[in-house]
């Protein structure tokens, strides 16, 4: 396991308290923050990107999702593409924000909210 800058408690085992839907919803929160700050505040934008990447990496390290690694890694790759301008896949943070918001919605529905 690598050294995590932003999510030390989650890296110490807290991330495993969440199911995959909740993990993806949390990643989506950072994607939304990156979208909010893109082109407005470079420092806040970069911090959100770094936090999202850490959460992606924590999810990829979670042994429960071994059969989902390709899917999670692809989402990380598309996120990076969007951050870098969408040259490879034409991805945007707006599109990814919509994608990840579905996990937040489903997570809330499953929790009965």
Protein backbone atom coordinates (compact mmCIF):
# COMPACT_ATOMS: atom_id res chain seq x y z
CA UNK A 1 0.00 0.00 0.00
CA UNK A 2 1.33 3.41 -0.88
CA UNK A 3 1.43 6.52 1.27
CA UNK A 4 -1.80 8.48 1.03
CA UNK A 5 -1.65 12.25 1.50
CA UNK A 6 -5.33 13.06 2.01
CA UNK A 7 -7.02 9.87 3.15
CA UNK A 8 -4.77 8.33 5.81
CA UNK A 9 -7.65 7.06 7.97
CA UNK A 10 -9.44 5.56 5.00
CA UNK A 11 -6.20 3.93 3.86
CA UNK A 12 -5.79 2.43 7.34
CA UNK A 13 -8.92 0.35 6.80
CA UNK A 14 -11.79 2.80 6.95
CA UNK A 15 -12.43 2.57 3.22
CA UNK A 16 -13.49 -1.06 3.60
CA UNK A 17 -16.48 0.07 5.69
CA UNK A 18 -18.06 1.22 2.44
CA UNK A 19 -19.54 -0.96 -0.27
CA UNK A 20 -18.59 -0.35 -3.90
CA UNK A 21 -21.55 1.92 -4.56
CA UNK A 22 -20.58 4.11 -1.59
CA UNK A 23 -16.94 4.16 -2.62
CA UNK A 24 -17.85 5.26 -6.13
CA UNK A 25 -20.20 7.93 -4.70
CA UNK A 26 -17.31 9.28 -2.61
CA UNK A 27 -15.07 9.36 -5.67
CA UNK A 28 -17.88 11.22 -7.40
CA UNK A 29 -17.86 13.89 -4.70
CA UNK A 30 -14.26 14.69 -5.58
CA UNK A 31 -15.02 14.56 -9.31
CA UNK A 32 -17.77 17.12 -8.67
CA UNK A 33 -15.35 19.33 -6.74
CA UNK A 34 -12.80 19.08 -9.54
CA UNK A 35 -15.51 20.07 -12.02
CA UNK A 36 -16.53 23.02 -9.82
CA UNK A 37 -12.99 24.41 -9.60
CA UNK A 38 -11.72 23.59 -13.10
CA UNK A 39 -10.70 26.86 -14.74
CA UNK A 40 -11.54 28.86 -11.59
CA UNK A 41 -9.02 27.95 -8.90
CA UNK A 42 -6.07 25.79 -9.96
CA UNK A 43 -5.03 24.88 -6.41
CA UNK A 44 -8.51 23.71 -5.39
CA UNK A 45 -8.90 21.92 -8.71
CA UNK A 46 -5.60 20.04 -8.30
CA UNK A 47 -6.43 19.10 -4.71
CA UNK A 48 -9.78 17.64 -5.79
CA UNK A 49 -8.07 15.70 -8.59
CA UNK A 50 -5.49 14.30 -6.17
CA UNK A 51 -8.17 13.32 -3.65
CA UNK A 52 -10.21 11.60 -6.37
CA UNK A 53 -7.15 9.67 -7.54
CA UNK A 54 -6.42 8.55 -3.98
CA UNK A 55 -9.98 7.27 -3.63
CA UNK A 56 -9.73 5.48 -6.96
CA UNK A 57 -6.51 3.87 -5.76
CA UNK A 58 -8.04 2.83 -2.44
CA UNK A 59 -10.91 1.26 -4.35
CA UNK A 60 -8.52 -0.56 -6.68
CA UNK A 61 -6.63 -1.90 -3.64
CA UNK A 62 -9.81 -3.17 -1.98
CA UNK A 63 -9.61 -6.98 -2.35
CA UNK A 64 -13.40 -7.29 -2.50
CA UNK A 65 -13.44 -5.79 -5.99
CA UNK A 66 -10.90 -8.07 -7.70
CA UNK A 67 -13.47 -8.98 -10.33
CA UNK A 68 -14.22 -5.29 -10.95
CA UNK A 69 -10.65 -4.00 -11.33
CA UNK A 70 -10.89 -3.44 -15.08
CA UNK A 71 -14.06 -1.38 -14.71
CA UNK A 72 -12.70 0.73 -11.82
CA UNK A 73 -9.35 1.25 -13.55
CA UNK A 74 -11.13 2.34 -16.73
CA UNK A 75 -13.19 4.89 -14.79
CA UNK A 76 -9.91 6.23 -13.32
CA UNK A 77 -8.40 6.41 -16.81
CA UNK A 78 -11.41 8.29 -18.20
CA UNK A 79 -11.28 10.67 -15.22
CA UNK A 80 -7.63 11.44 -15.96
CA UNK A 81 -8.50 11.93 -19.62
CA UNK A 82 -11.14 14.50 -18.63
CA UNK A 83 -8.71 16.28 -16.31
CA UNK A 84 -6.15 16.46 -19.12
CA UNK A 85 -8.62 17.86 -21.65
CA UNK A 86 -10.42 14.78 -23.03
CA UNK A 87 -8.00 14.21 -25.91
CA UNK A 88 -8.10 10.39 -25.78
CA UNK A 89 -11.77 9.64 -25.09
CA UNK A 90 -13.50 12.99 -25.40
CA UNK A 91 -14.44 12.75 -21.75
CA UNK A 92 -15.44 15.74 -19.66
CA UNK A 93 -15.77 16.30 -15.95
CA UNK A 94 -19.40 17.23 -16.57
CA UNK A 95 -20.08 13.79 -18.05
CA UNK A 96 -18.24 12.07 -15.23
CA UNK A 97 -20.07 14.13 -12.63
CA UNK A 98 -23.36 12.85 -14.07
CA UNK A 99 -22.02 9.28 -14.13
CA UNK A 100 -20.87 9.35 -10.52
CA UNK A 101 -23.98 11.15 -9.27
CA UNK A 102 -25.89 7.96 -10.08
CA UNK A 103 -23.83 6.13 -7.45
CA UNK A 104 -24.64 8.81 -4.88
CA UNK A 105 -28.34 8.57 -5.72
CA UNK A 106 -28.36 4.77 -5.58
CA UNK A 107 -26.42 4.79 -2.33
CA UNK A 108 -28.93 7.15 -0.72
CA UNK A 109 -31.83 5.05 -1.99
CA UNK A 110 -30.26 1.87 -0.60
CA UNK A 111 -29.79 3.58 2.76
CA UNK A 112 -33.45 4.56 2.79
CA UNK A 113 -32.99 8.32 2.47
